[in-house]
Amino acid sequence: MTRFSIDTAGVSRERLALAGDPRELRECASQVAAATAAAMAAVGGEGDGVRSALERFRVVHTRALDAVADAAGALGDRLDSSTLEARSVELFVSAALAQIAVTRLGDHGAVPAPDAP
C-alpha cells in the first residue's frame, strides 16, 4: 500500500522561497511552457505522437504550477500551520487505528490488550 505524507520541512522551505519571491512558481510555469514548445518544434513533422504528448505535458504542468502558485498566495503565512495541523491529524488517526487494532486482536485472544495483566 502506498502511503502519502506531507513533507513539512519542504513546505516550510518553499514557503520561505515563495515569501521572498512569490513570482517564482509563475516564472517556473513560463519556463516549462517555453521548454516544451522548443521540444515540440524540435520533434519535426514525423513525431506527431511525441508532439501530442509534449503538448499534454505542457498544459498539465503549467496549469498545475499556476494552481500551486495561487494556493500558496492564498495561504500565505498559514501554509506552515496548515501542514502542521495535517501532520497532527495524521498522528491522531494513526494512534486511534492502532488502538482499535490492538483492542480487536485482544478481543479475539490473539494478542492481549496493552493494559491487560
C-alpha atoms as a PDB file:
ATOM      1  CA  MET A   1       0.000   0.000   0.000  1.00  0.00           C
ATOM      2  CA  THR A   2       1.357   3.409  -0.930  1.00  0.00           C
ATOM      3  CA  ARG A   3       1.461   5.951   1.868  1.00  0.00           C
ATOM      4  CA  PHE A   4       1.461   9.658   1.188  1.00  0.00           C
ATOM      5  CA  SER A   5       2.512  12.298   3.678  1.00  0.00           C
ATOM      6  CA  ILE A   6       3.247  15.997   3.674  1.00  0.00           C
ATOM      7  CA  ASP A   7       6.914  16.986   3.656  1.00  0.00           C
ATOM      8  CA  THR A   8       6.655  19.671   6.339  1.00  0.00           C
ATOM      9  CA  ALA A   9      10.318  20.694   6.058  1.00  0.00           C
ATOM     10  CA  GLY A  10       9.985  21.003   2.291  1.00  0.00           C
ATOM     11  CA  VAL A  11       6.802  23.032   2.605  1.00  0.00           C
ATOM     12  CA  SER A  12       8.469  25.401   5.068  1.00  0.00           C
ATOM     13  CA  ARG A  13      11.468  25.799   2.769  1.00  0.00           C
ATOM     14  CA  GLU A  14       9.263  26.500  -0.246  1.00  0.00           C
ATOM     15  CA  ARG A  15       7.073  28.879   1.756  1.00  0.00           C
ATOM     16  CA  LEU A  16      10.158  30.897   2.626  1.00  0.00           C
ATOM     17  CA  ALA A  17      11.257  30.879  -1.016  1.00  0.00           C
ATOM     18  CA  LEU A  18       7.804  31.995  -2.159  1.00  0.00           C
ATOM     19  CA  ALA A  19       7.660  34.667   0.540  1.00  0.00           C
ATOM     20  CA  GLY A  20      10.926  36.069  -0.828  1.00  0.00           C
ATOM     21  CA  ASP A  21       9.728  35.947  -4.422  1.00  0.00           C
ATOM     22  CA  PRO A  22       6.079  34.960  -4.913  1.00  0.00           C
ATOM     23  CA  ARG A  23       6.512  35.017  -8.690  1.00  0.00           C
ATOM     24  CA  GLU A  24       8.883  32.030  -8.560  1.00  0.00           C
ATOM     25  CA  LEU A  25       6.241  29.416  -9.453  1.00  0.00           C
ATOM     26  CA  ARG A  26       4.746  31.523 -12.229  1.00  0.00           C
ATOM     27  CA  GLU A  27       8.196  32.001 -13.747  1.00  0.00           C
ATOM     28  CA  CYS A  28       8.719  28.245 -13.496  1.00  0.00           C
ATOM     29  CA  ALA A  29       5.427  27.707 -15.342  1.00  0.00           C
ATOM     30  CA  SER A  30       6.615  30.049 -18.100  1.00  0.00           C
ATOM     31  CA  GLN A  31       9.912  28.184 -18.372  1.00  0.00           C
ATOM     32  CA  VAL A  32       8.118  24.827 -18.595  1.00  0.00           C
ATOM     33  CA  ALA A  33       5.881  26.206 -21.355  1.00  0.00           C
ATOM     34  CA  ALA A  34       8.860  27.601 -23.288  1.00  0.00           C
ATOM     35  CA  ALA A  35      10.923  24.432 -22.912  1.00  0.00           C
ATOM     36  CA  THR A  36       8.125  22.168 -24.107  1.00  0.00           C
ATOM     37  CA  ALA A  37       7.350  24.500 -27.023  1.00  0.00           C
ATOM     38  CA  ALA A  38      11.009  24.270 -28.053  1.00  0.00           C
ATOM     39  CA  ALA A  39      10.898  20.479 -27.701  1.00  0.00           C
ATOM     40  CA  MET A  40       7.744  20.335 -29.817  1.00  0.00           C
ATOM     41  CA  ALA A  41       9.406  22.406 -32.526  1.00  0.00           C
ATOM     42  CA  ALA A  42      12.473  20.153 -32.449  1.00  0.00           C
ATOM     43  CA  VAL A  43      10.414  16.984 -32.950  1.00  0.00           C
ATOM     44  CA  GLY A  44       9.684  17.780 -36.578  1.00  0.00           C
ATOM     45  CA  GLY A  45       6.936  16.508 -38.842  1.00  0.00           C
ATOM     46  CA  GLU A  46       7.322  12.794 -38.117  1.00  0.00           C
ATOM     47  CA  GLY A  47       6.755  12.993 -34.378  1.00  0.00           C
ATOM     48  CA  ASP A  48       3.020  13.599 -34.081  1.00  0.00           C
ATOM     49  CA  GLY A  49       2.700  11.261 -31.081  1.00  0.00           C
ATOM     50  CA  VAL A  50       5.627  12.845 -29.266  1.00  0.00           C
ATOM     51  CA  ARG A  51       4.383  16.338 -30.052  1.00  0.00           C
ATOM     52  CA  SER A  52       0.924  15.437 -28.716  1.00  0.00           C
ATOM     53  CA  ALA A  53       2.436  14.047 -25.505  1.00  0.00           C
ATOM     54  CA  LEU A  54       4.566  17.171 -25.085  1.00  0.00           C
ATOM     55  CA  GLU A  55       1.507  19.379 -25.549  1.00  0.00           C
ATOM     56  CA  ARG A  56      -0.377  17.452 -22.833  1.00  0.00           C
ATOM     57  CA  PHE A  57       2.669  17.726 -20.557  1.00  0.00           C
ATOM     58  CA  ARG A  58       2.904  21.465 -21.165  1.00  0.00           C
ATOM     59  CA  VAL A  59      -0.762  22.132 -20.477  1.00  0.00           C
ATOM     60  CA  VAL A  60      -0.965  19.980 -17.358  1.00  0.00           C
ATOM     61  CA  HIS A  61       2.270  21.157 -15.762  1.00  0.00           C
ATOM     62  CA  THR A  62       1.930  24.856 -16.464  1.00  0.00           C
ATOM     63  CA  ARG A  63      -1.645  24.854 -15.141  1.00  0.00           C
ATOM     64  CA  ALA A  64      -0.581  22.850 -12.100  1.00  0.00           C
ATOM     65  CA  LEU A  65       2.219  25.296 -11.313  1.00  0.00           C
ATOM     66  CA  ASP A  66      -0.195  28.209 -11.688  1.00  0.00           C
ATOM     67  CA  ALA A  67      -2.686  26.481  -9.373  1.00  0.00           C
ATOM     68  CA  VAL A  68       0.005  25.854  -6.756  1.00  0.00           C
ATOM     69  CA  ALA A  69       1.109  29.482  -7.029  1.00  0.00           C
ATOM     70  CA  ASP A  70      -2.490  30.598  -6.465  1.00  0.00           C
ATOM     71  CA  ALA A  71      -2.861  28.278  -3.473  1.00  0.00           C
ATOM     72  CA  ALA A  72       0.454  29.364  -1.952  1.00  0.00           C
ATOM     73  CA  GLY A  73      -0.517  33.002  -2.391  1.00  0.00           C
ATOM     74  CA  ALA A  74      -3.901  32.420  -0.781  1.00  0.00           C
ATOM     75  CA  LEU A  75      -2.443  30.534   2.166  1.00  0.00           C
ATOM     76  CA  GLY A  76       0.478  32.870   2.741  1.00  0.00           C
ATOM     77  CA  ASP A  77       1.735  32.513   6.296  1.00  0.00           C
ATOM     78  CA  ARG A  78      -0.870  29.864   7.039  1.00  0.00           C
ATOM     79  CA  LEU A  79       0.993  27.285   4.931  1.00  0.00           C
ATOM     80  CA  ASP A  80       3.231  26.161   7.814  1.00  0.00           C
ATOM     81  CA  SER A  81       0.356  25.930  10.276  1.00  0.00           C
ATOM     82  CA  SER A  82      -1.741  24.020   7.728  1.00  0.00           C
ATOM     83  CA  THR A  83       0.949  21.371   7.238  1.00  0.00           C
ATOM     84  CA  LEU A  84       1.476  21.050  10.985  1.00  0.00           C
ATOM     85  CA  GLU A  85      -2.260  20.616  11.511  1.00  0.00           C
ATOM     86  CA  ALA A  86      -2.367  17.977   8.776  1.00  0.00           C
ATOM     87  CA  ARG A  87       0.518  16.128  10.442  1.00  0.00           C
ATOM     88  CA  SER A  88      -1.258  16.319  13.801  1.00  0.00           C
ATOM     89  CA  VAL A  89      -4.380  14.785  12.261  1.00  0.00           C
ATOM     90  CA  GLU A  90      -2.273  12.018  10.651  1.00  0.00           C
ATOM     91  CA  LEU A  91      -0.741  11.132  14.021  1.00  0.00           C
ATOM     92  CA  PHE A  92      -4.108  11.221  15.814  1.00  0.00           C
ATOM     93  CA  VAL A  93      -5.760   8.946  13.236  1.00  0.00           C
ATOM     94  CA  SER A  94      -2.786   6.548  13.233  1.00  0.00           C
ATOM     95  CA  ALA A  95      -2.885   6.285  17.030  1.00  0.00           C
ATOM     96  CA  ALA A  96      -6.653   5.707  17.005  1.00  0.00           C
ATOM     97  CA  LEU A  97      -6.375   2.982  14.336  1.00  0.00           C
ATOM     98  CA  ALA A  98      -3.539   1.312  16.235  1.00  0.00           C
ATOM     99  CA  GLN A  99      -5.649   1.289  19.420  1.00  0.00           C
ATOM    100  CA  ILE A 100      -8.599  -0.232  17.552  1.00  0.00           C
ATOM    101  CA  ALA A 101      -6.381  -2.918  16.023  1.00  0.00           C
ATOM    102  CA  VAL A 102      -4.851  -3.827  19.387  1.00  0.00           C
ATOM    103  CA  THR A 103      -8.274  -3.928  21.061  1.00  0.00           C
ATOM    104  CA  ARG A 104      -9.763  -6.149  18.349  1.00  0.00           C
ATOM    105  CA  LEU A 105      -6.815  -8.529  18.415  1.00  0.00           C
ATOM    106  CA  GLY A 106      -7.130  -8.666  22.189  1.00  0.00           C
ATOM    107  CA  ASP A 107     -10.855  -9.456  21.917  1.00  0.00           C
ATOM    108  CA  HIS A 108     -10.065 -12.466  19.748  1.00  0.00           C
ATOM    109  CA  GLY A 109      -7.412 -13.797  22.074  1.00  0.00           C
ATOM    110  CA  ALA A 110      -4.563 -13.342  19.593  1.00  0.00           C
ATOM    111  CA  VAL A 111      -2.752 -10.581  21.465  1.00  0.00           C
ATOM    112  CA  PRO A 112      -3.646  -9.191  24.879  1.00  0.00           C
ATOM    113  CA  ALA A 113      -4.524  -5.505  25.073  1.00  0.00           C
ATOM    114  CA  PRO A 114      -1.630  -3.317  26.272  1.00  0.00           C
ATOM    115  CA  ASP A 115      -3.266  -2.658  29.639  1.00  0.00           C
ATOM    116  CA  ALA A 116      -4.065  -6.344  30.302  1.00  0.00           C
ATOM    117  CA  PRO A 117      -2.143  -8.029  33.179  1.00  0.00           C
END
